[in-house]
C-alpha atoms as a PDB file:
ATOM      1  CA  MET A   1      -0.039  -0.127   0.065  1.00  0.00           C
ATOM      2  CA  THR A   2       1.530   3.203  -0.850  1.00  0.00           C
ATOM      3  CA  ARG A   3       1.803   5.983   1.806  1.00  0.00           C
ATOM      4  CA  PRO A   4       0.256   9.063   1.269  1.00  0.00           C
ATOM      5  CA  HIS A   5       2.190  12.068   1.009  1.00  0.00           C
ATOM      6  CA  GLY A   6       3.707  13.868   4.538  1.00  0.00           C
ATOM      7  CA  TYR A   7       5.898  13.394   7.601  1.00  0.00           C
ATOM      8  CA  ALA A   8       5.665   9.639   7.474  1.00  0.00           C
ATOM      9  CA  ARG A   9       6.625   9.021   3.783  1.00  0.00           C
ATOM     10  CA  TYR A  10       9.647  11.654   4.148  1.00  0.00           C
ATOM     11  CA  ARG A  11      10.645   9.710   7.168  1.00  0.00           C
ATOM     12  CA  LEU A  12      10.155   5.986   6.114  1.00  0.00           C
ATOM     13  CA  ASP A  13      10.193   5.953   2.200  1.00  0.00           C
ATOM     14  CA  GLY A  14      13.143   8.881   1.843  1.00  0.00           C
ATOM     15  CA  CYS A  15      10.225  10.962  -0.111  1.00  0.00           C
ATOM     16  CA  ARG A  16      11.480  14.365  -0.812  1.00  0.00           C
ATOM     17  CA  CYS A  17       8.746  16.083  -2.501  1.00  0.00           C
ATOM     18  CA  TYR A  18       7.635  19.169  -1.924  1.00  0.00           C
ATOM     19  CA  THR A  19       4.068  18.113   0.229  1.00  0.00           C
ATOM     20  CA  CYS A  20       6.585  15.635   2.216  1.00  0.00           C
ATOM     21  CA  GLY A  21       8.876  18.366   2.754  1.00  0.00           C
ATOM     22  CA  TRP A  22       6.791  20.713   4.029  1.00  0.00           C
ATOM     23  CA  ALA A  23       5.278  18.489   6.365  1.00  0.00           C
ATOM     24  CA  VAL A  24       8.330  17.785   7.786  1.00  0.00           C
ATOM     25  CA  ALA A  25       9.207  21.342   8.332  1.00  0.00           C
ATOM     26  CA  GLN A  26       5.942  22.335   9.912  1.00  0.00           C
ATOM     27  CA  TYR A  27       6.425  18.955  12.476  1.00  0.00           C
ATOM     28  CA  ASN A  28       9.646  20.376  12.978  1.00  0.00           C
ATOM     29  CA  ASP A  29       8.631  23.810  13.894  1.00  0.00           C
ATOM     30  CA  ALA A  30       5.768  22.995  16.161  1.00  0.00           C
ATOM     31  CA  ARG A  31       8.545  20.653  17.773  1.00  0.00           C
ATOM     32  CA  GLU A  32      10.676  23.263  18.616  1.00  0.00           C
ATOM     33  CA  HIS A  33       7.957  26.004  19.752  1.00  0.00           C
ATOM     34  CA  ALA A  34       6.792  23.055  22.307  1.00  0.00           C
ATOM     35  CA  MET A  35      10.294  22.533  23.557  1.00  0.00           C
ATOM     36  CA  ARG A  36      10.637  26.370  24.192  1.00  0.00           C
ATOM     37  CA  ARG A  37       7.298  26.338  26.189  1.00  0.00           C
ATOM     38  CA  GLY A  38       8.750  22.908  27.855  1.00  0.00           C
ATOM     39  CA  THR A  39       5.103  21.030  26.412  1.00  0.00           C
ATOM     40  CA  TRP A  40       7.222  18.707  23.982  1.00  0.00           C
ATOM     41  CA  GLN A  41       5.769  15.304  24.834  1.00  0.00           C
ATOM     42  CA  PRO A  42       6.743  12.475  22.213  1.00  0.00           C
ATOM     43  CA  TRP A  43       5.914   9.744  24.137  1.00  0.00           C
ATOM     44  CA  THR A  44       3.229   8.548  26.628  1.00  0.00           C
ATOM     45  CA  ASP A  45       3.282   5.365  29.072  1.00  0.00           C
ATOM     46  CA  ALA A  46       1.622   2.320  27.203  1.00  0.00           C
ATOM     47  CA  GLU A  47       0.276   0.626  30.063  1.00  0.00           C
ATOM     48  CA  PRO A  48      -3.311   2.921  30.219  1.00  0.00           C
ATOM     49  CA  VAL A  49      -3.877   2.123  26.784  1.00  0.00           C
ATOM     50  CA  ARG A  50      -3.163  -1.708  26.854  1.00  0.00           C
ATOM     51  CA  VAL A  51      -5.667  -1.744  29.783  1.00  0.00           C
ATOM     52  CA  HIS A  52      -7.572   0.157  27.799  1.00  0.00           C
ATOM     53  CA  ILE A  53      -7.857  -2.680  24.862  1.00  0.00           C
ATOM     54  CA  ARG A  54      -7.962  -5.579  26.851  1.00  0.00           C
ATOM     55  CA  ASN A  55     -11.242  -4.107  28.742  1.00  0.00           C
ATOM     56  CA  LEU A  56     -13.001  -3.107  25.004  1.00  0.00           C
ATOM     57  CA  GLN A  57     -11.800  -7.070  24.301  1.00  0.00           C
ATOM     58  CA  ASP A  58     -13.971  -8.203  27.796  1.00  0.00           C
ATOM     59  CA  CYS A  59     -16.653  -6.258  25.973  1.00  0.00           C
ATOM     60  CA  GLU A  60     -16.075  -8.368  23.018  1.00  0.00           C
ATOM     61  CA  MET A  61     -14.742  -5.639  20.679  1.00  0.00           C
ATOM     62  CA  GLY A  62     -12.084  -7.338  18.634  1.00  0.00           C
ATOM     63  CA  LEU A  63      -9.114  -5.761  17.549  1.00  0.00           C
ATOM     64  CA  ARG A  64      -9.966  -5.138  13.999  1.00  0.00           C
ATOM     65  CA  THR A  65     -13.209  -3.095  15.583  1.00  0.00           C
ATOM     66  CA  ILE A  66     -11.145  -1.139  17.802  1.00  0.00           C
ATOM     67  CA  ALA A  67      -8.830  -0.333  15.188  1.00  0.00           C
ATOM     68  CA  ALA A  68     -11.674   0.981  12.748  1.00  0.00           C
ATOM     69  CA  HIS A  69     -12.645   2.746  15.457  1.00  0.00           C
ATOM     70  CA  ALA A  70      -9.681   4.473  16.830  1.00  0.00           C
ATOM     71  CA  GLY A  71      -8.752   5.151  13.184  1.00  0.00           C
ATOM     72  CA  VAL A  72      -5.403   3.258  13.817  1.00  0.00           C
ATOM     73  CA  ASN A  73      -3.748   0.161  11.833  1.00  0.00           C
ATOM     74  CA  ARG A  74      -4.485  -2.845  13.937  1.00  0.00           C
ATOM     75  CA  LYS A  75      -0.737  -4.173  14.017  1.00  0.00           C
ATOM     76  CA  ARG A  76      -0.238  -0.673  15.800  1.00  0.00           C
ATOM     77  CA  LEU A  77      -2.938  -2.889  18.791  1.00  0.00           C
ATOM     78  CA  GLN A  78      -0.954  -6.221  18.845  1.00  0.00           C
ATOM     79  CA  ALA A  79       2.046  -4.215  19.355  1.00  0.00           C
ATOM     80  CA  VAL A  80       0.735  -2.517  22.043  1.00  0.00           C
ATOM     81  CA  LEU A  81      -0.894  -6.045  23.513  1.00  0.00           C
ATOM     82  CA  HIS A  82       2.148  -8.868  21.987  1.00  0.00           C
ATOM     83  CA  GLY A  83       5.100  -6.860  21.044  1.00  0.00           C
ATOM     84  CA  ARG A  84       6.046  -8.188  17.411  1.00  0.00           C
ATOM     85  CA  PRO A  85       7.111 -12.084  18.255  1.00  0.00           C
ATOM     86  CA  GLU A  86       8.316 -11.885  14.191  1.00  0.00           C
ATOM     87  CA  ARG A  87      10.871  -9.315  15.269  1.00  0.00           C
ATOM     88  CA  GLY A  88      11.523 -10.561  18.812  1.00  0.00           C
ATOM     89  CA  THR A  89      10.414  -7.124  20.609  1.00  0.00           C
ATOM     90  CA  PRO A  90       8.268  -7.330  23.446  1.00  0.00           C
ATOM     91  CA  PRO A  91       5.469  -5.427  24.101  1.00  0.00           C
ATOM     92  CA  GLN A  92       5.573  -1.933  23.674  1.00  0.00           C
ATOM     93  CA  ARG A  93       5.992   0.496  27.140  1.00  0.00           C
ATOM     94  CA  GLN A  94       5.499   3.625  25.188  1.00  0.00           C
ATOM     95  CA  VAL A  95       3.470   4.780  22.317  1.00  0.00           C
ATOM     96  CA  ARG A  96       2.584   8.392  20.777  1.00  0.00           C
ATOM     97  CA  PRO A  97       0.222  10.675  22.805  1.00  0.00           C
ATOM     98  CA  ALA A  98      -2.253  11.061  19.827  1.00  0.00           C
ATOM     99  CA  PHE A  99      -2.341   7.114  19.138  1.00  0.00           C
ATOM    100  CA  ALA A 100      -2.831   6.913  23.042  1.00  0.00           C
ATOM    101  CA  ALA A 101      -5.961   9.185  22.969  1.00  0.00           C
ATOM    102  CA  ALA A 102      -7.485   7.773  19.817  1.00  0.00           C
ATOM    103  CA  VAL A 103      -7.257   3.939  21.367  1.00  0.00           C
ATOM    104  CA  LEU A 104      -8.526   5.500  24.831  1.00  0.00           C
ATOM    105  CA  ALA A 105     -11.279   7.839  23.000  1.00  0.00           C
ATOM    106  CA  VAL A 106     -12.924   4.132  22.104  1.00  0.00           C
ATOM    107  CA  GLU A 107     -15.720   3.413  23.728  1.00  0.00           C
ATOM    108  CA  PRO A 108     -17.792  -0.389  24.354  1.00  0.00           C
ATOM    109  CA  ALA A 109     -21.358   1.574  23.548  1.00  0.00           C
ATOM    110  CA  LEU A 110     -23.459  -1.350  21.464  1.00  0.00           C
ATOM    111  CA  GLU A 111     -23.014   1.153  18.434  1.00  0.00           C
ATOM    112  CA  ASN A 112     -19.248  -0.031  18.065  1.00  0.00           C
ATOM    113  CA  LEU A 113     -19.833  -4.074  18.703  1.00  0.00           C
ATOM    114  CA  ALA A 114     -20.013  -6.101  15.893  1.00  0.00           C
ATOM    115  CA  PRO A 115     -24.204  -6.845  15.388  1.00  0.00           C
ATOM    116  CA  HIS A 116     -24.177 -10.589  15.804  1.00  0.00           C
ATOM    117  CA  THR A 117     -22.112 -10.449  18.879  1.00  0.00           C
ATOM    118  CA  PRO A 118     -24.019 -11.882  22.041  1.00  0.00           C
ATOM    119  CA  ILE A 119     -24.604  -9.463  24.971  1.00  0.00           C
ATOM    120  CA  SER A 120     -26.446  -9.490  28.379  1.00  0.00           C
ATOM    121  CA  PRO A 121     -30.477  -9.199  27.436  1.00  0.00           C
ATOM    122  CA  LEU A 122     -31.548  -7.349  30.824  1.00  0.00           C
ATOM    123  CA  GLY A 123     -31.376  -3.417  29.125  1.00  0.00           C
ATOM    124  CA  THR A 124     -33.430  -4.967  26.337  1.00  0.00           C
ATOM    125  CA  ARG A 125     -35.668  -6.920  28.691  1.00  0.00           C
ATOM    126  CA  ARG A 126     -36.472  -3.736  31.176  1.00  0.00           C
ATOM    127  CA  ARG A 127     -37.031  -2.016  27.704  1.00  0.00           C
ATOM    128  CA  ALA A 128     -39.722  -4.993  26.400  1.00  0.00           C
ATOM    129  CA  HIS A 129     -41.279  -5.270  29.968  1.00  0.00           C
ATOM    130  CA  ALA A 130     -41.808  -1.370  30.799  1.00  0.00           C
ATOM    131  CA  LEU A 131     -43.459  -1.180  26.743  1.00  0.00           C
ATOM    132  CA  VAL A 132     -45.748  -4.017  28.371  1.00  0.00           C
ATOM    133  CA  ALA A 133     -46.600  -2.181  31.691  1.00  0.00           C
ATOM    134  CA  VAL A 134     -48.093   0.598  29.569  1.00  0.00           C
ATOM    135  CA  GLY A 135     -50.308  -1.227  27.543  1.00  0.00           C
ATOM    136  CA  TRP A 136     -48.291  -2.046  24.749  1.00  0.00           C
ATOM    137  CA  PRO A 137     -49.589  -5.904  23.796  1.00  0.00           C
ATOM    138  CA  GLN A 138     -46.322  -8.114  23.102  1.00  0.00           C
ATOM    139  CA  GLN A 139     -47.397  -9.148  19.660  1.00  0.00           C
ATOM    140  CA  HIS A 140     -47.548  -5.676  18.818  1.00  0.00           C
ATOM    141  CA  LEU A 141     -44.165  -5.100  19.779  1.00  0.00           C
ATOM    142  CA  ALA A 142     -43.221  -8.542  18.007  1.00  0.00           C
ATOM    143  CA  ALA A 143     -44.693  -6.660  14.476  1.00  0.00           C
ATOM    144  CA  HIS A 144     -42.472  -3.743  15.487  1.00  0.00           C
ATOM    145  CA  LEU A 145     -39.397  -5.544  15.347  1.00  0.00           C
ATOM    146  CA  GLY A 146     -40.552  -7.402  12.275  1.00  0.00           C
ATOM    147  CA  MET A 147     -40.409 -11.094  14.527  1.00  0.00           C
ATOM    148  CA  ASN A 148     -43.668 -13.505  15.490  1.00  0.00           C
ATOM    149  CA  PRO A 149     -44.689 -13.573  19.120  1.00  0.00           C
ATOM    150  CA  GLY A 150     -42.963 -16.739  19.784  1.00  0.00           C
ATOM    151  CA  ASN A 151     -39.649 -15.832  19.110  1.00  0.00           C
ATOM    152  CA  PHE A 152     -40.640 -12.453  21.035  1.00  0.00           C
ATOM    153  CA  GLY A 153     -41.162 -14.179  23.830  1.00  0.00           C
ATOM    154  CA  THR A 154     -37.967 -16.471  23.662  1.00  0.00           C
ATOM    155  CA  MET A 155     -35.882 -13.489  23.167  1.00  0.00           C
ATOM    156  CA  LEU A 156     -36.856 -12.349  26.575  1.00  0.00           C
ATOM    157  CA  VAL A 157     -36.155 -15.480  28.609  1.00  0.00           C
ATOM    158  CA  ARG A 158     -32.636 -16.190  26.689  1.00  0.00           C
ATOM    159  CA  ASP A 159     -29.830 -15.679  28.428  1.00  0.00           C
ATOM    160  CA  HIS A 160     -28.497 -13.219  25.573  1.00  0.00           C
ATOM    161  CA  VAL A 161     -29.145 -11.395  22.733  1.00  0.00           C
ATOM    162  CA  LEU A 162     -27.572 -10.222  19.714  1.00  0.00           C
ATOM    163  CA  VAL A 163     -26.271  -6.306  19.809  1.00  0.00           C
ATOM    164  CA  ARG A 164     -28.280  -5.905  16.341  1.00  0.00           C
ATOM    165  CA  ARG A 165     -31.302  -6.534  18.229  1.00  0.00           C
ATOM    166  CA  ALA A 166     -30.579  -4.994  21.204  1.00  0.00           C
ATOM    167  CA  LEU A 167     -30.284  -1.738  19.754  1.00  0.00           C
ATOM    168  CA  ALA A 168     -33.855  -2.825  17.237  1.00  0.00           C
ATOM    169  CA  VAL A 169     -35.188  -2.783  20.848  1.00  0.00           C
ATOM    170  CA  ARG A 170     -33.639   0.343  21.874  1.00  0.00           C
ATOM    171  CA  ALA A 171     -35.153   2.379  18.989  1.00  0.00           C
ATOM    172  CA  MET A 172     -38.395   0.923  19.454  1.00  0.00           C
ATOM    173  CA  TYR A 173     -38.487   2.075  23.507  1.00  0.00           C
ATOM    174  CA  ASP A 174     -37.524   5.420  22.430  1.00  0.00           C
ATOM    175  CA  ALA A 175     -40.156   5.694  19.496  1.00  0.00           C
ATOM    176  CA  LEU A 176     -43.089   3.906  21.596  1.00  0.00           C
ATOM    177  CA  TRP A 177     -42.681   4.722  25.440  1.00  0.00           C
ATOM    178  CA  ARG A 178     -44.502   7.949  25.269  1.00  0.00           C
ATOM    179  CA  ALA A 179     -47.089   6.829  22.874  1.00  0.00           C
ATOM    180  CA  ASP A 180     -50.521   5.233  22.735  1.00  0.00           C
ATOM    181  CA  PRO A 181     -50.969   1.934  22.191  1.00  0.00           C
ATOM    182  CA  ALA A 182     -54.818   2.456  21.281  1.00  0.00           C
ATOM    183  CA  ASP A 183     -52.953   5.115  18.286  1.00  0.00           C
ATOM    184  CA  HIS A 184     -51.228   2.139  16.835  1.00  0.00           C
ATOM    185  CA  GLY A 185     -54.322  -1.000  16.497  1.00  0.00           C
ATOM    186  CA  ALA A 186     -53.922  -1.952  19.832  1.00  0.00           C
ATOM    187  CA  THR A 187     -57.589  -2.564  21.187  1.00  0.00           C
ATOM    188  CA  PRO A 188     -59.026  -1.374  24.446  1.00  0.00           C
ATOM    189  CA  GLY A 189     -59.381  -4.986  25.872  1.00  0.00           C
ATOM    190  CA  GLY A 190     -55.264  -5.725  24.748  1.00  0.00           C
ATOM    191  CA  ILE A 191     -53.879  -2.953  26.449  1.00  0.00           C
ATOM    192  CA  THR A 192     -55.723  -3.837  29.748  1.00  0.00           C
ATOM    193  CA  ARG A 193     -54.502  -7.592  29.265  1.00  0.00           C
ATOM    194  CA  ALA A 194     -51.010  -6.187  28.640  1.00  0.00           C
ATOM    195  CA  ARG A 195     -51.152  -3.874  31.673  1.00  0.00           C
ATOM    196  CA  LYS A 196     -52.328  -6.786  34.092  1.00  0.00           C
ATOM    197  CA  TYR A 197     -49.991  -9.482  32.638  1.00  0.00           C
ATOM    198  CA  ALA A 198     -46.735  -7.138  33.425  1.00  0.00           C
ATOM    199  CA  ALA A 199     -48.347  -5.528  36.919  1.00  0.00           C
ATOM    200  CA  ASP A 200     -48.817  -9.681  37.800  1.00  0.00           C
ATOM    201  CA  ARG A 201     -44.746  -9.968  36.934  1.00  0.00           C
ATOM    202  CA  ASP A 202     -44.013  -6.792  38.880  1.00  0.00           C
ATOM    203  CA  TRP A 203     -42.862  -5.795  35.546  1.00  0.00           C
ATOM    204  CA  ALA A 204     -41.558  -1.565  35.847  1.00  0.00           C
ATOM    205  CA  PRO A 205     -43.077   1.016  33.238  1.00  0.00           C
ATOM    206  CA  PRO A 206     -40.935   3.707  31.837  1.00  0.00           C
ATOM    207  CA  GLY A 207     -41.143   5.931  34.489  1.00  0.00           C
ATOM    208  CA  ALA A 208     -39.573   3.522  36.867  1.00  0.00           C
ATOM    209  CA  TRP A 209     -35.997   4.153  34.562  1.00  0.00           C
ATOM    210  CA  ASP A 210     -33.790   6.900  33.804  1.00  0.00           C
ATOM    211  CA  ASP A 211     -31.523   6.313  30.436  1.00  0.00           C
ATOM    212  CA  ASP A 212     -28.476   5.782  32.852  1.00  0.00           C
ATOM    213  CA  THR A 213     -30.200   3.239  34.741  1.00  0.00           C
ATOM    214  CA  ILE A 214     -32.353   0.811  32.424  1.00  0.00           C
ATOM    215  CA  ASP A 215     -29.167  -1.226  31.630  1.00  0.00           C
ATOM    216  CA  ASP A 216     -27.423  -1.154  34.885  1.00  0.00           C
ATOM    217  CA  PRO A 217     -27.640  -5.026  36.445  1.00  0.00           C
ATOM    218  CA  ASP A 218     -27.258  -3.129  40.052  1.00  0.00           C
ATOM    219  CA  ALA A 219     -29.865  -0.404  39.388  1.00  0.00           C
ATOM    220  CA  TRP A 220     -33.557  -1.097  40.761  1.00  0.00           C
ATOM    221  CA  PRO A 221     -36.645   0.764  38.925  1.00  0.00           C
ATOM    222  CA  ASP A 222     -37.672   3.946  41.039  1.00  0.00           C
ATOM    223  CA  TRP A 223     -41.367   3.337  40.749  1.00  0.00           C
ATOM    224  CA  THR A 224     -42.130   6.095  43.439  1.00  0.00           C
ATOM    225  CA  GLY A 225     -39.889   8.726  43.040  1.00  0.00           C
ATOM    226  CA  LYS A 226     -38.634   7.744  46.408  1.00  0.00           C
ATOM    227  CA  CYS A 227     -37.436   4.124  46.316  1.00  0.00           C
ATOM    228  CA  GLY A 228     -35.037   3.347  49.079  1.00  0.00           C
ATOM    229  CA  THR A 229     -36.744   4.806  51.693  1.00  0.00           C
ATOM    230  CA  VAL A 230     -39.360   4.536  54.249  1.00  0.00           C
ATOM    231  CA  GLU A 231     -41.612   7.613  52.237  1.00  0.00           C
ATOM    232  CA  GLY A 232     -41.123   5.009  49.129  1.00  0.00           C
ATOM    233  CA  PHE A 233     -42.410   1.877  50.763  1.00  0.00           C
ATOM    234  CA  TRP A 234     -45.348   3.790  51.732  1.00  0.00           C
ATOM    235  CA  ALA A 235     -45.688   5.254  48.457  1.00  0.00           C
ATOM    236  CA  HIS A 236     -46.071   1.992  47.056  1.00  0.00           C
ATOM    237  CA  ARG A 237     -48.915   0.996  49.072  1.00  0.00           C
ATOM    238  CA  TYR A 238     -50.262   4.266  47.594  1.00  0.00           C
ATOM    239  CA  ILE A 239     -50.027   3.338  43.859  1.00  0.00           C
ATOM    240  CA  THR A 240     -50.981  -0.297  45.002  1.00  0.00           C
ATOM    241  CA  ALA A 241     -48.015  -1.880  43.619  1.00  0.00           C
ATOM    242  CA  PRO A 242     -45.748  -4.079  45.780  1.00  0.00           C
ATOM    243  CA  PRO A 243     -43.021  -2.624  47.951  1.00  0.00           C
ATOM    244  CA  CYS A 244     -39.539  -2.737  45.632  1.00  0.00           C
ATOM    245  CA  GLN A 245     -36.538  -3.974  47.304  1.00  0.00           C
ATOM    246  CA  PRO A 246     -34.942  -1.357  48.421  1.00  0.00           C
ATOM    247  CA  CYS A 247     -38.560   0.130  49.845  1.00  0.00           C
ATOM    248  CA  ARG A 248     -38.362  -2.931  51.666  1.00  0.00           C
ATOM    249  CA  ASP A 249     -34.815  -2.753  53.208  1.00  0.00           C
ATOM    250  CA  ALA A 250     -35.458   0.735  53.792  1.00  0.00           C
ATOM    251  CA  PHE A 251     -38.882  -0.285  55.882  1.00  0.00           C
ATOM    252  CA  ASN A 252     -37.400  -3.241  57.692  1.00  0.00           C
ATOM    253  CA  ALA A 253     -33.830  -0.660  58.191  1.00  0.00           C
ATOM    254  CA  ASP A 254     -36.155   1.779  59.881  1.00  0.00           C
ATOM    255  CA  GLY A 255     -38.308  -0.710  62.075  1.00  0.00           C
ATOM    256  CA  ARG A 256     -34.701  -2.160  63.489  1.00  0.00           C
ATOM    257  CA  ALA A 257     -33.227   0.769  64.273  1.00  0.00           C
ATOM    258  CA  ARG A 258     -36.750   1.629  66.137  1.00  0.00           C
ATOM    259  CA  LYS A 259     -36.919  -1.301  68.152  1.00  0.00           C
ATOM    260  CA  ALA A 260     -33.253  -0.451  69.422  1.00  0.00           C
ATOM    261  CA  ALA A 261     -34.183   2.498  70.025  1.00  0.00           C
ATOM    262  CA  ALA A 262     -37.039   1.988  71.966  1.00  0.00           C
ATOM    263  CA  LYS A 263     -34.971  -0.682  73.771  1.00  0.00           C
ATOM    264  CA  GLU A 264     -32.347   1.767  74.950  1.00  0.00           C
ATOM    265  CA  GLY A 265     -35.303   3.930  76.155  1.00  0.00           C
ATOM    266  CA  THR A 266     -36.349   1.167  78.507  1.00  0.00           C
ATOM    267  CA  THR A 267     -32.924   0.196  79.979  1.00  0.00           C
ATOM    268  CA  ALA A 268     -31.775   4.021  80.423  1.00  0.00           C
END
């Protein structure tokens, strides 16, 4: 592959054309100014980059995908991870700052993963459950995704979901969570049955989730706006919904504290 004219071609290929010479002159000028200011940093530690690459790999991102999103050559990532075995060189200890910044900017977002990558189904499941909780019959949701109802139901109980399907469900959720199912062909009976089905299974509606918690495995739905407190426990009674675990924990902790205070008062 022919390298484009510029600094790299001047240094690596010996090209002395005007474009390559100008690029080198610009580079040297910038370097001299940075050195006079004390800001010259030609290299930086490779370890944070190496750790980040491994974290991305743990999130099912391959080196080709990481390289594509960072705009770098895959072999440079391999050199950071494993060195160059064919040359007998160990993993790089230092990298250029621009290279480090490009790699560290890559995040394991769904959009960056290959479409057929299997991931946790939690966020997908919560979004589907939330739509059913506000009256969307499952057959309507399945049709929206181009699925039959049986496959849609199977998707909600599997231990993984493909990235392409997770993205489709997320787009569906964003489009429908504030929409009225009746405006999209759902019958009053179908809406009532969907809501009851969700209520019987304690499926939280969209209002109980924030965008930054719905995919978090450690997060609980905030049904009342006060979940995790004693006030939240009683608010569940008001909305005729079973108390969530954080509210039960808060209520029980408050009860234990009251008993301890009463015991202290008796023995004082």
